[in-house]
C-alpha atoms as a PDB file:
ATOM      1  CA  MET A   1      10.894 -13.538  -5.353  1.00  0.00           C
ATOM      2  CA  SER A   2      10.933 -12.492  -9.000  1.00  0.00           C
ATOM      3  CA  THR A   3       7.725 -12.317 -11.015  1.00  0.00           C
ATOM      4  CA  THR A   4       9.158 -14.913 -13.355  1.00  0.00           C
ATOM      5  CA  THR A   5       9.355 -17.475 -10.526  1.00  0.00           C
ATOM      6  CA  MET A   6       5.913 -16.743  -9.085  1.00  0.00           C
ATOM      7  CA  SER A   7       2.936 -19.024  -9.517  1.00  0.00           C
ATOM      8  CA  PRO A   8       0.009 -17.588 -11.509  1.00  0.00           C
ATOM      9  CA  VAL A   9      -1.859 -16.993  -8.228  1.00  0.00           C
ATOM     10  CA  GLU A  10       1.100 -15.150  -6.692  1.00  0.00           C
ATOM     11  CA  ARG A  11       1.621 -13.133  -9.865  1.00  0.00           C
ATOM     12  CA  ALA A  12      -2.010 -12.003  -9.985  1.00  0.00           C
ATOM     13  CA  GLY A  13      -1.989 -11.070  -6.304  1.00  0.00           C
ATOM     14  CA  PHE A  14       1.262  -9.160  -6.571  1.00  0.00           C
ATOM     15  CA  ALA A  15       0.092  -7.246  -9.641  1.00  0.00           C
ATOM     16  CA  ALA A  16      -3.069  -6.243  -7.788  1.00  0.00           C
ATOM     17  CA  ALA A  17      -1.181  -5.199  -4.652  1.00  0.00           C
ATOM     18  CA  ILE A  18       1.498  -3.191  -6.444  1.00  0.00           C
ATOM     19  CA  ARG A  19      -1.163  -1.068  -8.154  1.00  0.00           C
ATOM     20  CA  GLY A  20      -1.818   0.477  -4.749  1.00  0.00           C
ATOM     21  CA  ARG A  21      -4.800   1.200  -2.542  1.00  0.00           C
ATOM     22  CA  TYR A  22      -7.644   3.654  -3.094  1.00  0.00           C
ATOM     23  CA  ASN A  23      -9.718   5.716  -0.694  1.00  0.00           C
ATOM     24  CA  PRO A  24     -13.034   3.919  -0.095  1.00  0.00           C
ATOM     25  CA  ASP A  25     -15.968   5.224  -2.092  1.00  0.00           C
ATOM     26  CA  PHE A  26     -18.780   5.048   0.427  1.00  0.00           C
ATOM     27  CA  SER A  27     -21.317   6.306  -2.117  1.00  0.00           C
ATOM     28  CA  THR A  28     -21.303   2.993  -3.980  1.00  0.00           C
ATOM     29  CA  PRO A  29     -22.530  -0.435  -2.798  1.00  0.00           C
ATOM     30  CA  PHE A  30     -19.834  -2.614  -1.236  1.00  0.00           C
ATOM     31  CA  ALA A  31     -18.430  -5.349  -3.474  1.00  0.00           C
ATOM     32  CA  LEU A  32     -15.222  -7.338  -3.691  1.00  0.00           C
ATOM     33  CA  GLY A  33     -13.362  -6.860  -6.947  1.00  0.00           C
ATOM     34  CA  GLU A  34     -11.049  -9.227  -8.785  1.00  0.00           C
ATOM     35  CA  ASP A  35      -8.009  -7.463  -7.334  1.00  0.00           C
ATOM     36  CA  ASP A  36      -9.322  -7.898  -3.783  1.00  0.00           C
ATOM     37  CA  ARG A  37      -9.768 -11.612  -4.297  1.00  0.00           C
ATOM     38  CA  ALA A  38      -6.387 -11.931  -6.021  1.00  0.00           C
ATOM     39  CA  ILE A  39      -4.631 -10.306  -3.067  1.00  0.00           C
ATOM     40  CA  MET A  40      -6.443 -12.466  -0.518  1.00  0.00           C
ATOM     41  CA  THR A  41      -5.818 -15.618  -2.549  1.00  0.00           C
ATOM     42  CA  MET A  42      -2.123 -14.730  -2.613  1.00  0.00           C
ATOM     43  CA  ARG A  43      -2.312 -14.389   1.180  1.00  0.00           C
ATOM     44  CA  GLY A  44      -3.670 -17.926   1.430  1.00  0.00           C
ATOM     45  CA  LEU A  45      -7.355 -17.242   2.123  1.00  0.00           C
ATOM     46  CA  SER A  46      -9.926 -19.653   0.751  1.00  0.00           C
ATOM     47  CA  THR A  47     -13.036 -18.403  -1.007  1.00  0.00           C
ATOM     48  CA  THR A  48     -15.022 -19.145   2.152  1.00  0.00           C
ATOM     49  CA  GLU A  49     -12.610 -17.050   4.235  1.00  0.00           C
ATOM     50  CA  GLN A  50     -12.730 -14.249   1.680  1.00  0.00           C
ATOM     51  CA  ASP A  51     -16.502 -14.212   1.788  1.00  0.00           C
ATOM     52  CA  ALA A  52     -16.440 -14.123   5.603  1.00  0.00           C
ATOM     53  CA  ALA A  53     -14.127 -11.106   5.508  1.00  0.00           C
ATOM     54  CA  ALA A  54     -16.345  -9.411   2.937  1.00  0.00           C
ATOM     55  CA  THR A  55     -19.380  -9.861   5.192  1.00  0.00           C
ATOM     56  CA  ILE A  56     -17.543  -8.090   8.026  1.00  0.00           C
ATOM     57  CA  TRP A  57     -16.316  -5.276   5.767  1.00  0.00           C
ATOM     58  CA  SER A  58     -19.761  -4.749   4.296  1.00  0.00           C
ATOM     59  CA  GLY A  59     -21.328  -4.568   7.751  1.00  0.00           C
ATOM     60  CA  ALA A  60     -18.692  -2.089   8.939  1.00  0.00           C
ATOM     61  CA  ARG A  61     -19.105   0.279   6.009  1.00  0.00           C
ATOM     62  CA  ASP A  62     -21.239   2.890   7.767  1.00  0.00           C
ATOM     63  CA  ALA A  63     -19.024   2.817  10.857  1.00  0.00           C
ATOM     64  CA  VAL A  64     -15.873   3.437   8.838  1.00  0.00           C
ATOM     65  CA  ALA A  65     -17.554   6.217   6.864  1.00  0.00           C
ATOM     66  CA  SER A  66     -18.673   7.943  10.060  1.00  0.00           C
ATOM     67  CA  GLY A  67     -15.298   7.714  11.795  1.00  0.00           C
ATOM     68  CA  SER A  68     -16.324   5.091  14.345  1.00  0.00           C
ATOM     69  CA  ALA A  69     -14.348   2.112  13.046  1.00  0.00           C
ATOM     70  CA  LEU A  70     -12.584   1.473  16.358  1.00  0.00           C
ATOM     71  CA  SER A  71     -15.853   1.349  18.258  1.00  0.00           C
ATOM     72  CA  TYR A  72     -17.248  -1.091  15.668  1.00  0.00           C
ATOM     73  CA  LEU A  73     -14.129  -3.269  15.833  1.00  0.00           C
ATOM     74  CA  LYS A  74     -14.394  -3.502  19.611  1.00  0.00           C
ATOM     75  CA  GLY A  75     -17.860  -4.988  19.185  1.00  0.00           C
ATOM     76  CA  LEU A  76     -16.678  -7.918  17.047  1.00  0.00           C
ATOM     77  CA  ASP A  77     -16.159 -11.397  18.482  1.00  0.00           C
ATOM     78  CA  ALA A  78     -12.845 -13.266  18.529  1.00  0.00           C
ATOM     79  CA  SER A  79     -13.738 -15.305  15.441  1.00  0.00           C
ATOM     80  CA  SER A  80     -14.370 -12.168  13.375  1.00  0.00           C
ATOM     81  CA  LEU A  81     -11.133 -10.588  14.576  1.00  0.00           C
ATOM     82  CA  GLN A  82      -9.265 -13.706  13.486  1.00  0.00           C
ATOM     83  CA  VAL A  83     -10.816 -13.451  10.024  1.00  0.00           C
ATOM     84  CA  LEU A  84      -9.658  -9.840   9.780  1.00  0.00           C
ATOM     85  CA  GLN A  85      -6.185 -10.778  11.017  1.00  0.00           C
ATOM     86  CA  HIS A  86      -5.781 -13.333   8.248  1.00  0.00           C
ATOM     87  CA  ALA A  87      -7.302 -11.050   5.608  1.00  0.00           C
ATOM     88  CA  ALA A  88      -4.779  -8.326   6.482  1.00  0.00           C
ATOM     89  CA  CYS A  89      -1.942 -10.882   6.652  1.00  0.00           C
ATOM     90  CA  LEU A  90      -1.029  -9.871  10.200  1.00  0.00           C
ATOM     91  CA  ALA A  91       1.291 -12.076  12.220  1.00  0.00           C
ATOM     92  CA  ASP A  92      -0.232 -11.301  15.622  1.00  0.00           C
ATOM     93  CA  PRO A  93      -3.842 -11.485  16.820  1.00  0.00           C
ATOM     94  CA  ILE A  94      -5.741  -8.196  16.766  1.00  0.00           C
ATOM     95  CA  SER A  95      -5.998  -6.429  20.113  1.00  0.00           C
ATOM     96  CA  THR A  96      -8.396  -3.500  20.136  1.00  0.00           C
ATOM     97  CA  SER A  97      -6.924  -1.989  23.289  1.00  0.00           C
ATOM     98  CA  ASN A  98      -4.031  -0.219  21.574  1.00  0.00           C
ATOM     99  CA  LEU A  99      -5.391   0.627  18.121  1.00  0.00           C
ATOM    100  CA  SER A 100      -5.777   4.057  16.576  1.00  0.00           C
ATOM    101  CA  GLU A 101      -8.868   4.967  14.579  1.00  0.00           C
ATOM    102  CA  GLU A 102      -6.807   4.696  11.390  1.00  0.00           C
ATOM    103  CA  GLY A 103      -5.499   1.278  12.402  1.00  0.00           C
ATOM    104  CA  ALA A 104      -9.074   0.092  12.915  1.00  0.00           C
ATOM    105  CA  GLU A 105     -10.307   1.636   9.683  1.00  0.00           C
ATOM    106  CA  ASN A 106      -7.761  -0.198   7.580  1.00  0.00           C
ATOM    107  CA  LEU A 107      -8.749  -3.508   9.125  1.00  0.00           C
ATOM    108  CA  LEU A 108     -12.352  -2.837   8.135  1.00  0.00           C
ATOM    109  CA  VAL A 109     -11.823  -2.003   4.456  1.00  0.00           C
ATOM    110  CA  LYS A 110     -11.004  -4.408   1.666  1.00  0.00           C
ATOM    111  CA  PRO A 111      -7.397  -4.991   0.463  1.00  0.00           C
ATOM    112  CA  THR A 112      -7.567  -2.501  -2.411  1.00  0.00           C
ATOM    113  CA  GLU A 113      -8.751   0.281  -0.111  1.00  0.00           C
ATOM    114  CA  GLY A 114      -6.833   2.345   2.410  1.00  0.00           C
ATOM    115  CA  ILE A 115      -7.199   5.404   4.629  1.00  0.00           C
ATOM    116  CA  ASP A 116      -4.282   7.620   5.639  1.00  0.00           C
ATOM    117  CA  ARG A 117      -6.263   9.603   8.195  1.00  0.00           C
ATOM    118  CA  ASN A 118      -3.385  11.796   9.399  1.00  0.00           C
ATOM    119  CA  HIS A 119      -1.612  12.081   6.030  1.00  0.00           C
ATOM    120  CA  ASP A 120       1.746  11.060   7.463  1.00  0.00           C
ATOM    121  CA  GLY A 121       2.633   8.972   4.416  1.00  0.00           C
ATOM    122  CA  LEU A 122       2.222   5.712   6.339  1.00  0.00           C
ATOM    123  CA  LEU A 123      -0.802   3.438   6.489  1.00  0.00           C
ATOM    124  CA  GLU A 124      -1.728   1.999   9.873  1.00  0.00           C
ATOM    125  CA  VAL A 125      -3.223  -1.488   9.529  1.00  0.00           C
ATOM    126  CA  GLY A 126      -3.973  -2.675  13.028  1.00  0.00           C
ATOM    127  CA  VAL A 127      -0.820  -1.714  14.930  1.00  0.00           C
ATOM    128  CA  ALA A 128       1.368  -2.137  11.852  1.00  0.00           C
ATOM    129  CA  ARG A 129       2.592   0.960   9.998  1.00  0.00           C
ATOM    130  CA  THR A 130       3.199   0.284   6.325  1.00  0.00           C
ATOM    131  CA  ILE A 131       4.180   2.065   3.141  1.00  0.00           C
ATOM    132  CA  SER A 132       1.329   2.534   0.702  1.00  0.00           C
ATOM    133  CA  PHE A 133       2.449   3.843  -2.661  1.00  0.00           C
ATOM    134  CA  PRO A 134       0.796   5.415  -4.483  1.00  0.00           C
ATOM    135  CA  PRO A 135      -1.078   6.858  -1.486  1.00  0.00           C
ATOM    136  CA  PRO A 136      -4.787   5.989  -1.268  1.00  0.00           C
ATOM    137  CA  ASP A 137      -5.781   9.524  -2.283  1.00  0.00           C
ATOM    138  CA  ALA A 138      -3.235   9.844  -5.100  1.00  0.00           C
ATOM    139  CA  SER A 139      -4.192  12.032  -8.029  1.00  0.00           C
ATOM    140  CA  PRO A 140      -5.286  10.379 -11.291  1.00  0.00           C
ATOM    141  CA  GLN A 141      -2.070  11.700 -12.872  1.00  0.00           C
ATOM    142  CA  LEU A 142       0.122  10.021 -10.255  1.00  0.00           C
ATOM    143  CA  ARG A 143      -1.786   6.756 -10.593  1.00  0.00           C
ATOM    144  CA  SER A 144      -1.396   6.904 -14.364  1.00  0.00           C
ATOM    145  CA  ALA A 145       2.344   7.491 -14.035  1.00  0.00           C
ATOM    146  CA  TRP A 146       2.697   4.635 -11.566  1.00  0.00           C
ATOM    147  CA  THR A 147       0.682   2.198 -13.671  1.00  0.00           C
ATOM    148  CA  ALA A 148       2.720   3.032 -16.763  1.00  0.00           C
ATOM    149  CA  THR A 149       5.910   2.468 -14.782  1.00  0.00           C
ATOM    150  CA  VAL A 150       5.171  -0.862 -13.108  1.00  0.00           C
ATOM    151  CA  ASP A 151       3.189  -2.450 -15.932  1.00  0.00           C
ATOM    152  CA  GLY A 152       5.217  -5.508 -16.876  1.00  0.00           C
ATOM    153  CA  MET A 153       8.005  -4.662 -14.407  1.00  0.00           C
ATOM    154  CA  ASP A 154       9.640  -7.512 -12.498  1.00  0.00           C
ATOM    155  CA  SER A 155       8.313  -7.792  -8.940  1.00  0.00           C
ATOM    156  CA  GLN A 156      11.709  -7.205  -7.341  1.00  0.00           C
ATOM    157  CA  ASP A 157      12.203  -4.036  -9.355  1.00  0.00           C
ATOM    158  CA  ALA A 158       8.693  -2.819  -8.517  1.00  0.00           C
ATOM    159  CA  LEU A 159       9.226  -3.379  -4.806  1.00  0.00           C
ATOM    160  CA  MET A 160      12.654  -1.752  -4.908  1.00  0.00           C
ATOM    161  CA  LEU A 161      11.160   1.244  -6.707  1.00  0.00           C
ATOM    162  CA  VAL A 162       8.657   1.696  -3.879  1.00  0.00           C
ATOM    163  CA  ALA A 163      11.568   1.532  -1.422  1.00  0.00           C
ATOM    164  CA  ASN A 164      13.608   4.016  -3.489  1.00  0.00           C
ATOM    165  CA  LEU A 165      10.737   6.484  -3.601  1.00  0.00           C
ATOM    166  CA  ALA A 166       8.889   6.124  -0.334  1.00  0.00           C
ATOM    167  CA  PHE A 167      10.929   4.270   2.292  1.00  0.00           C
ATOM    168  CA  PRO A 168      10.330   5.965   5.653  1.00  0.00           C
ATOM    169  CA  ALA A 169      13.162   7.494   7.658  1.00  0.00           C
ATOM    170  CA  ALA A 170      13.769   6.512  11.280  1.00  0.00           C
ATOM    171  CA  SER A 171      15.116   8.890  13.891  1.00  0.00           C
ATOM    172  CA  VAL A 172      18.617   8.279  15.184  1.00  0.00           C
ATOM    173  CA  ASP A 173      17.339   6.537  18.301  1.00  0.00           C
ATOM    174  CA  GLY A 174      14.628   4.691  16.370  1.00  0.00           C
ATOM    175  CA  SER A 175      11.822   6.214  18.425  1.00  0.00           C
ATOM    176  CA  THR A 176       9.996   7.860  15.538  1.00  0.00           C
ATOM    177  CA  THR A 177       9.420   7.041  11.892  1.00  0.00           C
ATOM    178  CA  THR A 178       8.533   9.616   9.278  1.00  0.00           C
ATOM    179  CA  ALA A 179       7.484   9.276   5.667  1.00  0.00           C
ATOM    180  CA  VAL A 180       6.570  11.639   2.863  1.00  0.00           C
ATOM    181  CA  ASP A 181       2.948  12.512   2.085  1.00  0.00           C
ATOM    182  CA  PHE A 182       2.794  12.160  -1.687  1.00  0.00           C
ATOM    183  CA  SER A 183      -0.921  12.963  -1.820  1.00  0.00           C
ATOM    184  CA  SER A 184      -0.529  16.748  -1.877  1.00  0.00           C
ATOM    185  CA  LYS A 185      -1.581  18.302  -5.158  1.00  0.00           C
ATOM    186  CA  ASP A 186       1.369  20.684  -4.826  1.00  0.00           C
ATOM    187  CA  PHE A 187       3.970  17.984  -4.248  1.00  0.00           C
ATOM    188  CA  ASP A 188       7.186  18.894  -6.100  1.00  0.00           C
ATOM    189  CA  TRP A 189       7.970  15.717  -8.001  1.00  0.00           C
ATOM    190  CA  SER A 190      10.812  17.288  -9.978  1.00  0.00           C
ATOM    191  CA  SER A 191      12.728  18.163  -6.810  1.00  0.00           C
ATOM    192  CA  TRP A 192      11.904  14.856  -5.155  1.00  0.00           C
ATOM    193  CA  MET A 193      13.114  12.789  -8.095  1.00  0.00           C
ATOM    194  CA  THR A 194      16.275  14.878  -8.344  1.00  0.00           C
ATOM    195  CA  SER A 195      17.047  14.158  -4.688  1.00  0.00           C
ATOM    196  CA  VAL A 196      16.233  10.449  -5.023  1.00  0.00           C
ATOM    197  CA  ILE A 197      18.421  10.058  -8.120  1.00  0.00           C
ATOM    198  CA  GLU A 198      21.269  11.981  -6.459  1.00  0.00           C
ATOM    199  CA  GLY A 199      20.943   9.726  -3.439  1.00  0.00           C
ATOM    200  CA  ALA A 200      21.182   6.661  -5.667  1.00  0.00           C
ATOM    201  CA  LYS A 201      24.360   8.042  -7.212  1.00  0.00           C
ATOM    202  CA  VAL A 202      25.901   8.648  -3.789  1.00  0.00           C
ATOM    203  CA  SER A 203      25.235   5.052  -2.744  1.00  0.00           C
ATOM    204  CA  ALA A 204      26.401   3.604  -6.075  1.00  0.00           C
ATOM    205  CA  PRO A 205      29.946   2.720  -4.876  1.00  0.00           C
ATOM    206  CA  TYR A 206      28.410   0.384  -2.288  1.00  0.00           C
ATOM    207  CA  ASN A 207      26.380  -1.587  -4.842  1.00  0.00           C
ATOM    208  CA  THR A 208      27.150  -3.755  -7.834  1.00  0.00           C
ATOM    209  CA  ASP A 209      27.135  -2.334 -11.340  1.00  0.00           C
ATOM    210  CA  GLU A 210      24.059  -4.410 -12.156  1.00  0.00           C
ATOM    211  CA  ALA A 211      22.189  -3.168  -9.072  1.00  0.00           C
ATOM    212  CA  ASN A 212      23.053   0.430  -9.954  1.00  0.00           C
ATOM    213  CA  ARG A 213      21.928  -0.057 -13.537  1.00  0.00           C
ATOM    214  CA  ARG A 214      18.572  -1.445 -12.438  1.00  0.00           C
ATOM    215  CA  THR A 215      18.075   1.308  -9.859  1.00  0.00           C
ATOM    216  CA  MET A 216      18.693   4.080 -12.356  1.00  0.00           C
ATOM    217  CA  SER A 217      16.583   2.352 -15.002  1.00  0.00           C
ATOM    218  CA  ARG A 218      13.493   2.160 -12.796  1.00  0.00           C
ATOM    219  CA  LEU A 219      13.932   5.699 -11.446  1.00  0.00           C
ATOM    220  CA  GLU A 220      14.301   7.129 -14.944  1.00  0.00           C
ATOM    221  CA  ARG A 221      11.312   5.102 -16.099  1.00  0.00           C
ATOM    222  CA  PHE A 222       9.163   6.604 -13.348  1.00  0.00           C
ATOM    223  CA  LEU A 223      10.486  10.106 -13.974  1.00  0.00           C
ATOM    224  CA  ASP A 224       9.586   9.801 -17.658  1.00  0.00           C
ATOM    225  CA  ALA A 225       6.077   8.673 -16.690  1.00  0.00           C
ATOM    226  CA  LEU A 226       5.731  11.628 -14.318  1.00  0.00           C
ATOM    227  CA  LYS A 227       6.725  13.968 -17.139  1.00  0.00           C
ATOM    228  CA  ASP A 228       4.246  12.304 -19.488  1.00  0.00           C
ATOM    229  CA  ASN A 229       1.508  13.024 -16.926  1.00  0.00           C
ATOM    230  CA  GLY A 230       2.525  16.633 -16.336  1.00  0.00           C
ATOM    231  CA  LEU A 231       3.884  16.059 -12.834  1.00  0.00           C
ATOM    232  CA  ALA A 232       7.583  16.737 -13.445  1.00  0.00           C
END
């Protein structure tokens, strides 16, 4: 769906989500922000449901900070788990029997927060493994470059840019999935963008001229923003 065809609620939620997640700041009191509510409203949660989720997240704050999110999650009743399922927009009910600590943590933080515990470039939310770009612990320079790039960008282009930059690679037999950890302060953005742009050129014959034009436009836009922020 293009931004131009979205409802105001969908547009606000998408804009909040595409800005990316942040590492939780446990030194400050818990509070839902406008972006959190926009994302949950886009996901179909009522204000009452949002407040119920916030109560759970607030109560879990110390457990998440201390690395005992999974233990805390296992102590919640079925009703609370259902609230968290809806808040995270998960298709299946939450089962605590096969969750990692990271998967539990990301169920117990608000939508604008995220924790990539093992720095594998993927965010575990429950049993789901998702792309989170920029990564939750992205540098201020990377966040600035990303914001400058996606500000005002059509939703399809923004989503495709995430896929161009950060789409994980599956092994030949599909047994493992790997992604790039963009959070390293020493990450070589110049080399990465060169490889991504070269890859886009290689695949160009298989796409339409318009698709190729849009791909190169968004990649060059991001590269320019990286340069403006001293990252490339």
